[in-house]
Protein backbone atom coordinates (compact mmCIF):
# COMPACT_ATOMS: atom_id res chain seq x y z
CA MET A 1 39.99 69.41 -115.60
CA ALA A 2 41.37 70.99 -112.48
CA ALA A 3 45.03 70.68 -111.51
CA ILE A 4 46.06 67.77 -109.38
CA ASP A 5 47.05 68.71 -105.84
CA PRO A 6 49.98 66.42 -104.93
CA VAL A 7 49.07 66.55 -101.20
CA THR A 8 45.50 65.43 -101.91
CA ALA A 9 46.73 62.75 -104.37
CA GLY A 10 49.16 61.42 -101.72
CA ALA A 11 46.50 61.54 -99.01
CA VAL A 12 44.04 59.67 -101.19
CA LEU A 13 46.71 57.04 -102.01
CA LEU A 14 47.58 56.59 -98.33
CA ALA A 15 43.91 56.54 -97.23
CA THR A 16 43.08 53.81 -99.72
CA ALA A 17 46.22 51.84 -98.89
CA ALA A 18 45.21 51.97 -95.18
CA THR A 19 41.62 51.14 -96.14
CA ASP A 20 42.67 47.94 -97.87
CA ALA A 21 44.96 46.89 -95.05
CA VAL A 22 42.12 47.42 -92.61
CA TYR A 23 39.75 45.52 -94.89
CA VAL A 24 42.13 42.52 -94.68
CA MET A 25 42.07 42.76 -90.87
CA PHE A 26 38.29 43.04 -90.92
CA THR A 27 37.90 39.99 -93.17
CA SER A 28 40.25 38.00 -90.99
CA ALA A 29 38.27 38.91 -87.85
CA VAL A 30 35.01 37.85 -89.62
CA VAL A 31 36.58 34.55 -90.68
CA ALA A 32 37.67 34.03 -87.05
CA ARG A 33 34.08 34.91 -85.95
CA LYS A 34 35.34 37.61 -83.58
CA ARG A 35 32.46 40.06 -83.26
CA VAL A 36 34.15 43.03 -81.47
CA PRO A 37 37.31 43.05 -83.60
CA ALA A 38 35.24 42.69 -86.78
CA ALA A 39 32.96 45.56 -85.81
CA THR A 40 35.90 47.74 -84.81
CA TRP A 41 37.81 47.05 -88.06
CA SER A 42 34.60 47.76 -89.99
CA SER A 43 34.18 51.17 -88.45
CA VAL A 44 37.80 52.07 -89.16
CA TRP A 45 37.35 50.80 -92.68
CA TYR A 46 34.39 53.16 -93.33
CA LEU A 47 36.21 56.19 -91.78
CA LEU A 48 39.16 55.73 -94.04
CA SER A 49 37.17 55.00 -97.20
CA SER A 50 34.96 58.04 -96.63
CA TYR A 51 38.02 60.34 -96.64
CA ALA A 52 39.12 58.92 -100.03
CA VAL A 53 35.63 59.13 -101.57
CA ILE A 54 35.17 62.71 -100.39
CA SER A 55 38.62 63.71 -101.62
CA TYR A 56 38.36 62.36 -105.10
CA THR A 57 34.75 62.98 -106.01
CA GLU A 58 35.59 66.54 -107.07
CA ASN A 59 38.17 65.31 -109.61
CA TRP A 60 37.96 61.87 -111.20
CA VAL A 61 41.75 61.70 -111.70
CA TYR A 62 42.09 60.96 -107.95
CA VAL A 63 40.37 57.67 -108.59
CA ALA A 64 43.69 56.51 -110.15
CA PHE A 65 45.45 57.37 -106.92
CA ALA A 66 42.79 55.52 -104.95
CA ALA A 67 43.25 52.41 -107.09
CA VAL A 68 47.02 52.48 -106.65
CA GLY A 69 46.62 52.93 -102.88
CA SER A 70 44.14 50.15 -102.74
CA TRP A 71 46.51 47.79 -104.50
CA LEU A 72 49.43 48.80 -102.25
CA GLY A 73 47.32 48.37 -99.10
CA ALA A 74 46.15 44.86 -100.05
CA PHE A 75 49.64 43.83 -101.17
CA ALA A 76 51.39 45.18 -98.03
CA SER A 77 48.79 43.72 -95.62
CA ILE A 78 49.12 40.26 -97.14
CA THR A 79 52.92 40.55 -97.27
CA PHE A 80 53.50 41.94 -93.81
CA LEU A 81 50.59 40.56 -91.80
CA HIS A 82 50.86 37.00 -93.08
CA ARG A 83 50.83 34.31 -90.41
CA PRO A 84 52.28 30.88 -90.80
CA PRO A 85 49.76 28.14 -91.74
CA GLY A 86 47.80 26.86 -88.73
CA GLY A 87 48.08 30.10 -86.70
CA PRO A 88 45.14 32.34 -85.91
CA PRO A 89 44.02 34.68 -88.69
CA VAL A 90 45.35 38.17 -88.62
CA GLY A 91 43.04 40.58 -86.79
CA ALA A 92 41.62 37.82 -84.56
CA ALA A 93 41.66 38.66 -80.93
CA PRO A 94 43.55 36.19 -78.73
CA GLU A 95 41.31 33.60 -77.18
């Protein structure tokens, strides 16, 4: 097994955290039936996830960093992007 590069591990963690945060935004836009925001968040989602996949496919250990980043991204996005009940979903463009 190759040595773990801390920079790559950190980048994978950040990329997957951002990916999950963007996924929450994408899902919210889909629920709100906003086509352009949903399509935009979807494209950003794939750009971020492709970096993580390309980075950790050479060493399976990076999958652990991806999993931690994914958890952090989902947790942070729900925590910090939460709207009060009755408000528009996060990621939805204003009407």
